[in-house]
Amino acid sequence: MAQKSRETFGSRAGVLLAMAGSAIGLGNIWRFPYMLGQNGGAAFLLMYVIMLLVFCLPVLISEYLVGRRGASNPYRCFSVLAPGTGWRWIGLLAVLSSACILSFYCVVGGWSVKYLVESCMNGFTAGQNYGELFGAFIGNAWKPLVYTMIFLGLTGLIIVLGVRKGIERMSKIMIKVLFVIIVLVVVRSLSLPGALDGVRYMFVPDFSKVTTSVMVAAMGQAFFSLSIGCGTIMTYASYVRKDENIAATSAGVAFFDTLFAIIAGLAIIPAVFAAAAQNGTAANVEAGPGLVFITLPGVFSSMPLGRIAAVLFFLSLLLAAITSAISLMEVVVSFVIEEMHRSRGRAVLAAFLLCGGVGVLCSLSFGPLENFRLFGLGIFDFFDYLTSNILLPAGGLLLTFFAGWHLKKDNYLDELTNGGTIRIPHWLCCTIFYLVKWVAPIGIALILLNCLFF
């Protein structure tokens, strides 16, 4: 049974901003722009929006629904809703997924701390090889570890304060500040000569670039960005009161997450095109994971008021990273509190040690452990691929089976409409349910099979 004296969010705005904070993170600022650059620009964006509406939003609604109905950590949610069955292992998979994501996520979070400090203290100067500087930094055995632990420690300090005083309060502050900062960076980016080429790259699709691999990448990015299948939405939903509108909040989270991803793209891609135009070179939007940490410092170094733009950008990157890291760590913390009967402080310490320990290995994979391979991938890249392309889609697929088949249509619609107290058109409710029951599982399964065997 779920705990009776369970803390809840204090307001509807708090619910929306906390869940939006869970979704808005490094997946938007760090991962989305380079995935966009590597997968055809506007073609990828188009596939991303389609995948989000057809597959991811119905799954997001279902995860929210299951979390609120079960009112527990992901593992116990399924035990409450389907006692004595094997469904509870879906919840355990979600906890494992969050721990895996946070283990490599905190490394990138540490990089954002480092670059914020660097932009504040020294700034970025023209003529430097930022690729070599970044490689030297992440290849160092100790420096990245210090910043990783600082980032993970900041995350833990917020979670120790609890749901309302920690997660909700800090999400309200950080998400608002984050939007203001990133919009300022966008305005500066779009004002640069040559930036319009970057805007075209983002919004004028070349349909010849719509391939199976682009669709797979878009699906993986949508799951990663919305934090679907790793228990974060389910855990936050367990702190939500029964009178909240599931469909409206889920749609709001998906909208703000997508909007922020596009805004982050506008902050980065046009600036890269503008810098290329100034230097008479081709825009290097396919730089991969290093786009933010290699290409952008060079852009800021040659930009008027570049130091201010750099500070604002890396501050927004850090804030986004922390809001998502909070939700990932809370999944593990809630599991330890309710299943192992530990205090919140000890649960946070356990999550810190577990994810920090694996995070050390992920960080060292760029240095002393760079030749160590798991299935042909470095440790960091292995955890990135494992979570975004396998664990998250697998968790989402199993969740659709549970929500669409175990809960049955009447139970699903009853929860969606809060027992009929919320007026949602019946056709819309049925559409959401059948997307969850039939369309989303088939699409996710096909893409998952493609990742595993092709």
Foldseek 3Di string as FASTA:
>chain_A
DADPPDAFADDPVLLLLLLLLQLQACLQQQVLLLLCLQQQAQLLLVLLVVLCVLFVLLLLLLLLLLLQVQLAFQLSSCCSVPNPDPLSVLSVLLLVLLLLCLLLLLLVLLVLVVLLVCLVPPAFAAPDQLVVVVLVQLQDQPNSLVSSLVLLVVLLVLPLVDDHRRSSVLSVVLVVLLVVLLLVLLVQLCVFPQLVVLVCSNNVGDNVSNDLVSSLSSNLSSLNSSVFSNRLSSNNSSSHDLPDQSSVSSVSSSVSSSVSSVSSSSSQRSLQRRVCVVVVHDRPSNPHSCSVRRRLSNSLNPGVVSSVSSNSSSVSNSSSSSSNSNSSLVSQLSCCCPVVVDRSSVSSVVSSCSSSVSSSQLSNCSHPVVVPDDVRDGSSVVSSCCSSQASRLVSSLSSLCCLQPVCDLVNNLCSNCSNVVRDDDPVVSVSSNCSSNPVNNVVSVVSSCVSVPD
